[in-house]
Protein backbone atom coordinates (compact mmCIF):
# COMPACT_ATOMS: atom_id res chain seq x y z
CA MET A 1 -35.50 15.34 24.45
CA VAL A 2 -36.41 14.20 27.94
CA ILE A 3 -33.70 12.22 30.24
CA ALA A 4 -33.74 10.44 33.60
CA ARG A 5 -32.65 12.22 36.81
CA LYS A 6 -28.82 11.97 37.36
CA MET A 7 -28.14 10.91 32.82
CA CYS A 8 -26.66 13.57 30.60
CA ALA A 9 -27.69 14.35 27.17
CA ALA A 10 -25.70 15.69 24.29
CA LEU A 11 -26.22 19.29 22.62
CA THR A 12 -25.45 19.31 19.09
CA TRP A 13 -25.12 22.63 16.90
CA SER A 14 -23.93 23.95 13.66
CA SER A 15 -23.38 27.15 12.00
CA THR A 16 -22.35 28.63 8.69
CA ASN A 17 -20.30 32.10 8.46
CA ALA A 18 -20.63 32.84 12.53
CA SER A 19 -17.67 34.49 14.03
CA GLY A 20 -18.98 33.60 17.54
CA VAL A 21 -21.35 31.50 19.35
CA THR A 22 -22.40 31.15 22.94
CA ILE A 23 -24.52 28.70 24.49
CA ASP A 24 -26.05 29.94 27.92
CA ASN A 25 -26.49 27.88 31.12
CA GLY A 26 -23.09 27.29 31.75
CA VAL A 27 -22.27 26.03 28.51
CA GLY A 28 -20.20 29.27 27.49
CA LYS A 29 -18.41 30.44 24.24
CA VAL A 30 -18.05 27.29 21.54
CA ASP A 31 -16.59 26.62 18.16
CA GLY A 32 -19.48 27.14 15.25
CA SER A 33 -20.13 23.51 14.98
CA GLY A 34 -19.80 20.69 17.70
CA SER A 35 -21.38 19.24 20.58
CA ARG A 36 -21.28 19.16 24.39
CA GLN A 37 -22.89 16.99 27.16
CA VAL A 38 -24.96 18.39 29.46
CA CYS A 39 -26.11 17.17 32.72
CA PRO A 40 -29.04 19.43 34.18
CA THR A 41 -30.67 18.56 37.46
CA GLN A 42 -34.12 19.89 36.50
CA THR A 43 -35.43 20.87 33.06
CA THR A 44 -33.38 23.29 31.15
CA THR A 45 -33.90 25.36 28.18
CA TYR A 46 -30.51 26.08 26.21
CA ARG A 47 -30.10 29.05 24.07
CA ALA A 48 -27.41 29.53 21.37
CA SER A 49 -26.73 33.20 19.86
CA ALA A 50 -24.42 33.22 16.61
CA VAL A 51 -22.86 36.27 15.42
CA GLY A 52 -21.42 37.30 12.21
CA GLU A 53 -21.20 39.60 9.39
CA GLY A 54 -24.80 38.57 8.13
CA GLY A 55 -26.24 39.78 11.68
CA SER A 56 -27.20 37.67 14.60
CA ARG A 57 -29.33 34.45 15.13
CA ASP A 58 -30.79 32.56 18.01
CA ALA A 59 -32.12 29.16 18.61
CA SER A 60 -32.82 27.06 21.46
CA ALA A 61 -33.11 23.28 22.77
CA THR A 62 -35.00 22.35 26.08
CA VAL A 63 -33.89 19.06 28.12
CA GLY A 64 -36.48 17.76 30.08
CA VAL A 65 -35.48 15.89 33.26
CA SER A 66 -37.91 13.38 34.36
CA LYS A 67 -39.27 13.19 38.26
CA VAL A 68 -39.22 9.71 38.55
CA VAL A 69 -38.32 8.76 42.08
CA ASP A 70 -35.51 6.30 42.73
CA ARG A 71 -36.87 2.77 43.14
CA LEU A 72 -37.43 1.60 46.82
CA THR A 73 -36.28 -1.79 47.62
CA LEU A 74 -37.70 -3.39 50.92
CA HIS A 75 -36.50 -7.02 52.20
CA VAL A 76 -38.46 -8.96 54.81
CA ASN A 77 -36.95 -12.00 56.19
CA PHE A 78 -39.62 -14.57 57.98
CA ASP A 79 -38.15 -16.90 60.78
CA THR A 80 -40.46 -19.64 60.09
CA ALA A 81 -38.73 -21.74 63.16
CA LYS A 82 -40.66 -19.53 65.58
CA ALA A 83 -44.36 -20.39 66.90
CA THR A 84 -45.38 -17.09 67.09
CA ILE A 85 -44.65 -13.84 65.08
């Protein structure tokens, strides 16, 4: 997923029989299923780690941030009443 600068994305996850789920990069401990809004300032990979009686599993998702520069606006006014410019 790629978002524009200053925008956010929703991370959504689900697990079965997990006793604990943690997502890195500032998200922290979360419920076994859910979603969280993230607003990275640069491309970031989020890794989820689930632990349960059956062992552990990891998954990841990357949120890309486009490098589009904010639009520049230039206003020019011409005074047509003058003889010289």
